[in-house]
Amino acid sequence: MEPERTQAPGRRRRIAVVGAGISGLAAAWLLSRAHDVVLFEAANRLGGHARTLTVRTRGRHVPVDTGFIVFNRVNYPNLSRLFEHLRVPVRKSRMSFAVSVDGGRIEYGGGSLRALLAQPSNAARPAFWRMLRDIAEFNRTALADSTGDAGLTLRDVIRRRRLGPWFVRYYLLPMSGAIWSTPRARMMDFPAGVLARFFDNHGLLSFSHHHQWWTVAGGSRQYVSKMAADMPAQVRPGAAVEAVTRGPDGVNVKAAGQEAETFDSVVLACHSDTALEILHDCTRRERRILARIPYRRNRLVLHTDDRLMPRRRACWSSWVYLANSRPDEDRATVTYWMNSLQGIPGVTPLFATLNPPIPVDDALILDEHTFEHPRFDFDAFAAQAQLPSIQGLSNTWYCGAWTGMGFHEDGLASAIRVAGHFGVSPPWR
């Protein structure tokens, strides 16, 4: 594999950054310290998944996040330092998880003993206690099982350890599906080693060692506005890039309704499928890599309909996976209890449900939005490993959460790596 290309130091360049989510914002924020940067964004706002709404409830205006919501200081080191540098206000978040099956036929929560046994009949179910034993077994053996076997899937681990159906249906697939917004069937073929390391890093293989999670006070738009105000780049919201072509004189970037412009380099901080679409002279190698990391659309509804929460109030948790017994279910369904996650006071519960399994009461809907999330599997991770071979090729660079595990920290870290090739480092390094 060819090494990533690094730009010769000392020369000020004109750089186009396409996409103003966390990756593009960070790339433009860093690069504009030493270069002339134009930041293109298709939407009329900046931030991507950092999307905050102002909701009026009981006479108060409340900021509510609907995309990026929480972070922790252990697994989000660059994001934490970025927030400290920009003096972004943060507050502690409450993190808990619950599962509700078939509208409450089976329910349990993981935040306390009361939540665990909120459905008293579970105590009389041997399968429920088997599930708890299997969780302990999985936590103890997951890392060791996946070491040295890169091709091992979750399905393989389940068979090897003879883990029971309740553990699979009502713990492992709901938990992992909620994290990656991925359907249950696809999670069975997910790389076991990737999941085990992620669970371990995030304290999910322990009953006692959990990280403190944080949320941005006032919503994630706080950091977006601070980054935008702190960069000397030229920012163009509402400028959807339609075509990128490379030639001997530089990189031509054509945005909708604008004349094509020539830049020394382009940073594609958009989704991998978007990069593939706008690269009009895409090489075979570029296409082979980008096409293997597809995206999936997920509908999110912000609402006050508590039918999308567990039937038993003791089970109410920050994250609730809404499972069902339908074998054809192909979307992850999660309700986020925003009052708990963001410390929103008041008696009106606010919920954000990803892919609602039942129609939400129209009178209780506050907002709807479609997000796109990267779809990870063995092929996608193999493509990620080959990404360095096209970084800098024809003065084209790539960054985005899709280059990692799909989270805010991954997007920021990828922008830092790209900026490093232009001789720019973040102020905390």
Protein backbone atom coordinates (compact mmCIF):
# COMPACT_ATOMS: atom_id res chain seq x y z
CA MET A 1 0.00 0.00 0.00
CA GLU A 2 1.29 3.45 -0.86
CA PRO A 3 1.86 5.83 2.07
CA GLU A 4 -0.28 8.92 2.50
CA ARG A 5 1.12 11.94 0.67
CA THR A 6 2.23 14.99 2.63
CA GLN A 7 2.24 18.51 1.22
CA ALA A 8 5.56 20.34 1.08
CA PRO A 9 5.76 22.88 3.92
CA GLY A 10 6.04 26.62 3.50
CA ARG A 11 3.60 27.28 0.67
CA ARG A 12 0.21 28.82 1.35
CA ARG A 13 -2.45 26.87 -0.56
CA ARG A 14 -6.02 27.46 -1.64
CA ILE A 15 -8.07 24.55 -0.29
CA ALA A 16 -11.73 23.62 -0.79
CA VAL A 17 -13.42 21.72 2.05
CA VAL A 18 -16.66 19.99 1.07
CA GLY A 19 -19.10 19.33 3.91
CA ALA A 20 -19.57 21.21 7.18
CA GLY A 21 -20.28 18.48 9.69
CA ILE A 22 -17.78 17.95 12.50
CA SER A 23 -15.16 16.70 9.99
CA GLY A 24 -15.43 19.60 7.56
CA LEU A 25 -15.75 22.20 10.29
CA ALA A 26 -12.63 20.85 11.96
CA ALA A 27 -10.69 20.60 8.70
CA ALA A 28 -11.57 24.20 7.75
CA TRP A 29 -10.96 25.46 11.30
CA LEU A 30 -7.48 23.93 11.35
CA LEU A 31 -6.37 24.51 7.77
CA SER A 32 -7.50 28.14 7.63
CA ARG A 33 -4.80 28.97 10.21
CA ALA A 34 -2.16 28.49 7.51
CA HIS A 35 -4.01 28.35 4.20
CA ASP A 36 -6.82 30.02 2.25
CA VAL A 37 -9.88 27.86 2.77
CA VAL A 38 -13.39 27.85 1.28
CA LEU A 39 -15.91 25.67 3.15
CA PHE A 40 -18.83 24.41 1.04
CA GLU A 41 -21.99 23.07 2.70
CA ALA A 42 -25.10 21.85 0.86
CA ALA A 43 -27.49 22.62 3.73
CA ASN A 44 -28.38 26.12 4.83
CA ARG A 45 -26.87 25.47 8.24
CA LEU A 46 -23.55 24.15 9.52
CA GLY A 47 -23.01 21.17 11.81
CA GLY A 48 -24.26 18.03 10.06
CA HIS A 49 -25.30 15.67 12.85
CA ALA A 50 -24.78 18.45 15.38
CA ARG A 51 -28.41 19.55 15.04
CA THR A 52 -30.13 21.47 17.83
CA LEU A 53 -33.78 22.50 17.86
CA THR A 54 -35.50 25.00 20.14
CA VAL A 55 -38.66 23.42 21.51
CA ARG A 56 -41.40 25.33 23.31
CA THR A 57 -42.79 23.31 26.18
CA ARG A 58 -44.97 24.62 28.98
CA GLY A 59 -44.06 28.22 28.22
CA ARG A 60 -40.29 27.60 28.09
CA HIS A 61 -37.93 27.45 25.12
CA VAL A 62 -35.67 24.42 25.45
CA PRO A 63 -32.69 23.49 23.21
CA VAL A 64 -32.84 19.81 22.25
CA ASP A 65 -30.23 17.88 20.25
CA THR A 66 -31.40 15.42 17.63
CA GLY A 67 -28.11 14.04 16.26
CA PHE A 68 -24.90 14.27 18.26
CA ILE A 69 -25.94 14.22 21.93
CA VAL A 70 -23.28 12.91 24.31
CA PHE A 71 -19.55 12.28 24.67
CA ASN A 72 -17.11 11.08 27.32
CA ARG A 73 -13.59 12.28 28.05
CA VAL A 74 -11.97 8.83 27.70
CA ASN A 75 -13.16 7.86 24.22
CA TYR A 76 -13.51 11.40 22.84
CA PRO A 77 -10.12 12.94 23.74
CA ASN A 78 -9.88 15.35 20.80
CA LEU A 79 -13.51 16.45 21.06
CA SER A 80 -13.04 17.06 24.79
CA ARG A 81 -9.97 19.21 24.14
CA LEU A 82 -11.71 21.06 21.32
CA PHE A 83 -14.56 21.94 23.68
CA GLU A 84 -12.10 23.06 26.35
CA HIS A 85 -10.21 25.19 23.84
CA LEU A 86 -13.40 26.86 22.59
CA ARG A 87 -14.84 27.07 26.12
CA VAL A 88 -17.94 25.16 25.12
CA PRO A 89 -20.18 24.72 28.19
CA VAL A 90 -20.91 21.09 29.08
CA ARG A 91 -22.92 19.32 31.77
CA LYS A 92 -23.09 15.75 33.03
CA SER A 93 -25.42 13.36 31.26
CA ARG A 94 -27.20 10.34 32.69
CA MET A 95 -26.58 7.19 30.69
CA SER A 96 -28.79 4.13 31.09
CA PHE A 97 -30.17 1.46 28.77
CA ALA A 98 -33.40 -0.52 28.58
CA VAL A 99 -35.14 -2.94 26.25
CA SER A 100 -38.86 -3.14 25.53
CA VAL A 101 -40.13 -6.03 23.38
CA ASP A 102 -43.45 -6.10 21.54
CA GLY A 103 -44.84 -3.02 23.26
CA GLY A 104 -44.00 -4.21 26.77
CA ARG A 105 -44.41 -7.98 26.58
CA ILE A 106 -40.86 -8.23 27.91
CA GLU A 107 -39.05 -5.29 29.52
CA TYR A 108 -36.02 -4.65 31.65
CA GLY A 109 -33.61 -1.80 32.35
CA GLY A 110 -29.96 -1.83 33.24
CA GLY A 111 -29.71 1.30 35.38
CA SER A 112 -30.70 -0.20 38.72
CA LEU A 113 -32.08 -3.33 40.38
CA ARG A 114 -35.51 -1.68 40.33
CA ALA A 115 -35.26 -1.22 36.55
CA LEU A 116 -33.88 -4.72 36.04
CA LEU A 117 -36.89 -6.25 37.80
CA ALA A 118 -39.46 -3.66 36.74
CA GLN A 119 -41.40 -6.54 35.21
CA PRO A 120 -41.79 -8.87 38.23
CA SER A 121 -42.65 -11.88 36.08
CA ASN A 122 -39.09 -11.85 34.70
CA ALA A 123 -37.87 -13.12 38.09
CA ALA A 124 -39.80 -16.34 37.44
CA ARG A 125 -38.36 -16.83 33.95
CA PRO A 126 -35.27 -19.09 33.78
CA ALA A 127 -34.47 -17.55 30.38
CA PHE A 128 -34.14 -14.13 32.02
CA TRP A 129 -31.58 -15.36 34.57
CA ARG A 130 -29.80 -17.28 31.79
CA MET A 131 -29.54 -13.99 29.90
CA LEU A 132 -27.85 -12.33 32.90
CA ARG A 133 -25.39 -15.22 33.19
CA ASP A 134 -24.67 -15.01 29.47
CA ILE A 135 -23.99 -11.28 29.75
CA ALA A 136 -21.41 -12.01 32.45
CA GLU A 137 -19.88 -14.79 30.30
CA PHE A 138 -19.71 -12.56 27.23
CA ASN A 139 -18.14 -9.72 29.22
CA ARG A 140 -15.49 -12.10 30.57
CA THR A 141 -14.57 -13.81 27.30
CA ALA A 142 -15.34 -11.44 24.40
CA LEU A 143 -11.87 -9.94 24.07
CA ALA A 144 -10.06 -13.25 24.34
CA ASP A 145 -12.41 -14.97 21.89
CA SER A 146 -11.79 -12.41 19.17
CA THR A 147 -8.02 -12.11 19.60
CA GLY A 148 -6.10 -13.60 16.71
CA ASP A 149 -9.15 -14.29 14.53
CA ALA A 150 -9.96 -11.20 12.47
CA GLY A 151 -12.71 -13.02 10.57
CA LEU A 152 -14.76 -13.97 13.64
CA THR A 153 -18.37 -12.69 13.62
CA LEU A 154 -20.83 -12.20 16.45
CA ARG A 155 -22.65 -15.25 15.12
CA ASP A 156 -19.45 -17.29 15.58
CA VAL A 157 -18.98 -16.09 19.17
CA ILE A 158 -22.60 -16.86 20.04
CA ARG A 159 -22.26 -20.42 18.70
CA ARG A 160 -18.84 -20.99 20.29
CA ARG A 161 -20.02 -19.90 23.74
CA ARG A 162 -23.51 -21.37 23.32
CA LEU A 163 -25.07 -18.09 24.37
CA GLY A 164 -28.82 -18.28 24.76
CA PRO A 165 -31.54 -16.70 22.60
CA TRP A 166 -32.57 -14.15 25.24
CA PHE A 167 -29.01 -12.85 25.44
CA VAL A 168 -28.90 -12.51 21.67
CA ARG A 169 -32.38 -11.06 21.08
CA TYR A 170 -32.81 -8.94 24.18
CA TYR A 171 -29.28 -7.79 25.04
CA LEU A 172 -26.47 -8.14 22.48
CA LEU A 173 -28.33 -7.21 19.30
CA PRO A 174 -30.34 -4.39 20.92
CA MET A 175 -27.23 -2.91 22.56
CA SER A 176 -25.01 -3.10 19.47
CA GLY A 177 -27.83 -2.17 17.10
CA ALA A 178 -28.58 0.94 19.16
CA ILE A 179 -24.92 2.02 19.10
CA TRP A 180 -24.51 1.75 15.32
CA SER A 181 -28.15 2.27 14.25
CA THR A 182 -27.92 -1.12 12.56
CA PRO A 183 -30.62 -3.80 12.04
CA ARG A 184 -30.39 -6.98 14.08
CA ALA A 185 -29.82 -9.29 11.11
CA ARG A 186 -26.80 -7.31 9.93
CA MET A 187 -25.29 -7.19 13.43
CA MET A 188 -25.01 -11.00 13.50
CA ASP A 189 -22.31 -10.74 10.81
CA PHE A 190 -20.52 -7.81 12.47
CA PRO A 191 -16.81 -8.33 13.25
CA ALA A 192 -16.62 -9.71 16.79
CA GLY A 193 -13.21 -8.19 17.46
CA VAL A 194 -14.33 -4.68 16.51
CA LEU A 195 -17.37 -4.91 18.78
CA ALA A 196 -15.42 -6.44 21.68
CA ARG A 197 -12.79 -3.70 21.59
CA PHE A 198 -15.45 -1.00 21.32
CA PHE A 199 -17.40 -2.44 24.26
CA ASP A 200 -14.19 -2.72 26.29
CA ASN A 201 -13.06 0.84 25.53
CA HIS A 202 -16.46 2.21 26.50
CA GLY A 203 -16.71 0.25 29.75
CA LEU A 204 -19.49 -1.99 28.44
CA LEU A 205 -17.73 -5.25 29.36
CA SER A 206 -17.96 -4.38 33.04
CA PHE A 207 -20.84 -4.14 35.49
CA SER A 208 -19.04 -1.55 37.61
CA HIS A 209 -16.60 0.47 35.45
CA HIS A 210 -18.60 2.96 33.41
CA HIS A 211 -17.48 6.29 31.98
CA GLN A 212 -19.07 9.61 32.89
CA TRP A 213 -20.91 10.99 29.88
CA TRP A 214 -21.37 14.67 29.10
CA THR A 215 -23.62 16.79 26.91
CA VAL A 216 -23.23 20.32 25.57
CA ALA A 217 -25.19 22.81 27.67
CA GLY A 218 -27.48 24.69 25.32
CA GLY A 219 -27.13 22.05 22.62
CA SER A 220 -24.42 21.07 20.16
CA ARG A 221 -25.07 24.21 18.12
CA GLN A 222 -23.01 25.96 20.80
CA TYR A 223 -19.79 24.37 19.58
CA VAL A 224 -20.75 24.78 15.91
CA SER A 225 -21.24 28.53 16.27
CA LYS A 226 -18.02 28.88 18.25
CA MET A 227 -16.02 27.00 15.60
CA ALA A 228 -17.55 29.05 12.78
CA ALA A 229 -16.77 32.31 14.58
CA ASP A 230 -13.19 31.20 15.28
CA MET A 231 -12.12 30.36 11.72
CA PRO A 232 -10.88 32.76 9.02
CA ALA A 233 -12.20 30.48 6.27
CA GLN A 234 -14.77 31.63 3.73
CA VAL A 235 -17.94 29.73 4.66
CA ARG A 236 -20.64 29.04 2.07
CA PRO A 237 -23.80 27.38 3.41
CA GLY A 238 -26.41 26.42 0.83
CA ALA A 239 -23.67 25.67 -1.71
CA ALA A 240 -24.06 22.02 -2.73
CA VAL A 241 -20.99 20.81 -4.60
CA GLU A 242 -22.07 19.10 -7.81
CA ALA A 243 -18.74 18.15 -9.35
CA VAL A 244 -15.07 17.81 -8.47
CA THR A 245 -12.55 17.23 -11.26
CA ARG A 246 -8.77 17.08 -11.03
CA GLY A 247 -6.31 18.29 -13.62
CA PRO A 248 -2.74 19.52 -14.11
CA ASP A 249 -3.66 23.04 -12.98
CA GLY A 250 -5.37 21.97 -9.76
CA VAL A 251 -8.78 20.81 -8.55
CA ASN A 252 -11.95 22.27 -10.05
CA VAL A 253 -14.93 22.50 -7.70
CA LYS A 254 -18.39 23.32 -9.09
CA ALA A 255 -21.18 24.24 -6.61
CA ALA A 256 -24.83 24.61 -7.58
CA GLY A 257 -25.55 28.07 -8.96
CA GLN A 258 -21.89 29.08 -8.88
CA GLU A 259 -19.05 29.17 -11.37
CA ALA A 260 -16.44 26.42 -11.12
CA GLU A 261 -13.38 27.44 -9.09
CA THR A 262 -9.85 26.09 -9.07
CA PHE A 263 -8.09 25.08 -5.87
CA ASP A 264 -4.71 23.59 -5.06
CA SER A 265 -6.36 20.82 -3.03
CA VAL A 266 -9.78 19.57 -1.99
CA VAL A 267 -10.79 17.92 1.28
CA LEU A 268 -13.91 15.78 0.86
CA ALA A 269 -15.38 15.91 4.37
CA CYS A 270 -18.70 14.51 3.18
CA HIS A 271 -20.13 11.00 3.32
CA SER A 272 -18.29 8.37 1.33
CA ASP A 273 -21.19 7.89 -1.09
CA THR A 274 -21.44 11.64 -1.64
CA ALA A 275 -17.71 11.81 -2.38
CA LEU A 276 -18.16 9.04 -4.93
CA GLU A 277 -21.06 10.89 -6.55
CA ILE A 278 -19.33 14.27 -6.96
CA LEU A 279 -15.90 12.94 -8.02
CA HIS A 280 -16.53 13.05 -11.75
CA ASP A 281 -13.11 11.67 -12.64
CA CYS A 282 -13.02 9.02 -9.94
CA THR A 283 -10.28 6.42 -10.39
CA ARG A 284 -10.88 2.67 -10.09
CA ARG A 285 -9.03 2.59 -6.78
CA GLU A 286 -11.02 5.49 -5.35
CA ARG A 287 -14.29 3.91 -6.47
CA ARG A 288 -13.31 0.51 -5.08
CA ILE A 289 -12.69 2.00 -1.63
CA LEU A 290 -15.50 4.56 -1.37
CA ALA A 291 -18.21 2.25 -2.71
CA ARG A 292 -17.54 -0.30 0.03
CA ILE A 293 -18.60 2.06 2.84
CA PRO A 294 -22.27 2.72 2.08
CA TYR A 295 -24.74 4.73 4.13
CA ARG A 296 -28.18 3.89 5.48
CA ARG A 297 -31.06 6.34 5.99
CA ASN A 298 -32.74 6.45 9.40
CA ARG A 299 -35.81 8.53 10.29
CA LEU A 300 -35.75 10.38 13.61
CA VAL A 301 -38.87 11.86 15.21
CA LEU A 302 -38.75 14.31 18.14
CA HIS A 303 -41.99 13.99 20.08
CA THR A 304 -43.78 13.68 23.44
CA ASP A 305 -45.61 10.39 22.78
CA ASP A 306 -44.75 8.08 25.68
CA ARG A 307 -46.06 5.03 23.82
CA LEU A 308 -42.55 4.88 22.34
CA MET A 309 -41.14 4.24 25.82
CA PRO A 310 -41.36 1.16 28.06
CA ARG A 311 -44.82 0.44 29.42
CA ARG A 312 -43.39 0.28 32.94
CA ARG A 313 -42.10 3.65 34.15
CA ALA A 314 -39.38 1.98 36.24
CA CYS A 315 -37.81 0.86 32.95
CA TRP A 316 -37.57 4.33 31.50
CA SER A 317 -33.92 4.89 30.56
CA SER A 318 -31.81 7.29 28.54
CA TRP A 319 -31.61 4.80 25.65
CA VAL A 320 -34.48 2.39 25.02
CA TYR A 321 -34.24 -0.25 22.32
CA LEU A 322 -37.72 -1.07 21.01
CA ALA A 323 -37.53 -4.66 19.82
CA ASN A 324 -40.19 -6.82 18.23
CA SER A 325 -40.61 -10.42 17.24
CA ARG A 326 -41.06 -9.82 13.52
CA PRO A 327 -38.39 -11.76 11.64
CA ASP A 328 -38.46 -9.25 8.77
CA GLU A 329 -37.53 -6.24 10.91
CA ASP A 330 -34.72 -4.45 9.07
CA ARG A 331 -34.21 -1.24 11.03
CA ALA A 332 -32.84 -0.43 14.45
CA THR A 333 -35.45 1.30 16.63
CA VAL A 334 -34.28 3.36 19.59
CA THR A 335 -35.94 6.01 21.74
CA TYR A 336 -33.70 8.57 23.42
CA TRP A 337 -35.16 10.15 26.55
CA MET A 338 -33.84 13.66 26.08
CA ASN A 339 -34.74 14.94 29.56
CA SER A 340 -32.39 12.34 31.03
CA LEU A 341 -29.62 12.66 28.43
CA GLN A 342 -29.48 16.45 28.34
CA GLY A 343 -30.63 17.34 31.83
CA ILE A 344 -33.78 19.04 30.50
CA PRO A 345 -35.96 20.06 33.45
CA GLY A 346 -39.75 20.10 33.52
CA VAL A 347 -42.59 17.64 33.67
CA THR A 348 -43.00 17.25 29.88
CA PRO A 349 -41.01 14.20 28.71
CA LEU A 350 -39.20 14.78 25.41
CA PHE A 351 -38.28 11.79 23.25
CA ALA A 352 -36.32 11.29 20.03
CA THR A 353 -37.17 7.99 18.34
CA LEU A 354 -35.11 6.51 15.55
CA ASN A 355 -37.27 4.57 13.06
CA PRO A 356 -40.51 4.49 15.13
CA PRO A 357 -42.10 1.00 15.01
CA ILE A 358 -45.61 2.47 15.34
CA PRO A 359 -47.00 5.77 14.06
CA VAL A 360 -46.26 8.64 16.42
CA ASP A 361 -49.32 10.70 17.35
CA ASP A 362 -49.27 13.61 14.88
CA ALA A 363 -50.35 16.04 17.60
CA LEU A 364 -47.28 15.12 19.66
CA ILE A 365 -44.63 15.39 16.91
CA LEU A 366 -42.22 18.31 17.34
CA ASP A 367 -39.82 17.58 14.47
CA GLU A 368 -38.85 14.94 11.90
CA HIS A 369 -35.50 14.50 10.21
CA THR A 370 -33.71 11.83 8.18
CA PHE A 371 -30.12 11.06 9.19
CA GLU A 372 -27.67 8.91 7.29
CA HIS A 373 -25.31 6.55 9.12
CA PRO A 374 -22.40 4.52 7.71
CA ARG A 375 -23.09 0.81 7.33
CA PHE A 376 -20.14 -1.14 8.70
CA ASP A 377 -19.17 -4.73 7.97
CA PHE A 378 -15.97 -6.64 7.17
CA ASP A 379 -15.82 -5.15 3.70
CA ALA A 380 -16.20 -1.59 5.00
CA PHE A 381 -13.42 -2.04 7.54
CA ALA A 382 -11.18 -3.54 4.84
CA ALA A 383 -11.85 -0.48 2.69
CA GLN A 384 -10.94 1.80 5.58
CA ALA A 385 -7.56 0.07 5.84
CA GLN A 386 -6.91 0.93 2.18
CA LEU A 387 -7.90 4.60 2.51
CA PRO A 388 -4.29 5.82 3.04
CA SER A 389 -3.49 4.63 -0.50
CA ILE A 390 -5.73 7.34 -1.99
CA GLN A 391 -5.16 10.12 0.54
CA GLY A 392 -3.62 13.06 -1.29
CA LEU A 393 -3.91 11.35 -4.68
CA SER A 394 -4.55 14.08 -7.27
CA ASN A 395 -4.56 16.61 -4.41
CA THR A 396 -7.70 15.01 -2.97
CA TRP A 397 -8.13 14.20 0.73
CA TYR A 398 -10.86 12.41 2.64
CA CYS A 399 -12.14 12.75 6.18
CA GLY A 400 -15.35 11.86 7.97
CA ALA A 401 -16.78 9.73 10.75
CA TRP A 402 -17.02 6.91 8.16
CA THR A 403 -13.23 6.57 8.30
CA GLY A 404 -13.54 5.30 11.90
CA MET A 405 -16.46 3.93 13.90
CA GLY A 406 -19.00 6.54 12.81
CA PHE A 407 -18.87 8.87 15.81
CA HIS A 408 -18.07 12.54 16.35
CA GLU A 409 -14.58 11.76 17.65
CA ASP A 410 -13.83 9.75 14.50
CA GLY A 411 -14.80 12.65 12.27
CA LEU A 412 -12.69 15.11 14.24
CA ALA A 413 -9.70 12.75 14.41
CA SER A 414 -9.81 12.21 10.65
CA ALA A 415 -9.77 15.99 10.05
CA ILE A 416 -6.77 16.34 12.36
CA ARG A 417 -4.91 13.67 10.38
CA VAL A 418 -5.61 15.43 7.08
CA ALA A 419 -4.58 18.83 8.48
CA GLY A 420 -1.34 17.25 9.66
CA HIS A 421 -0.38 16.52 6.05
CA PHE A 422 -0.58 20.27 5.41
CA GLY A 423 1.67 21.04 8.37
CA VAL A 424 -1.17 22.08 10.71
CA SER A 425 -1.76 20.67 14.20
CA PRO A 426 -4.55 21.38 16.68
CA PRO A 427 -3.68 23.88 19.42
CA TRP A 428 -3.77 21.19 22.13
CA ARG A 429 -0.88 19.26 20.56
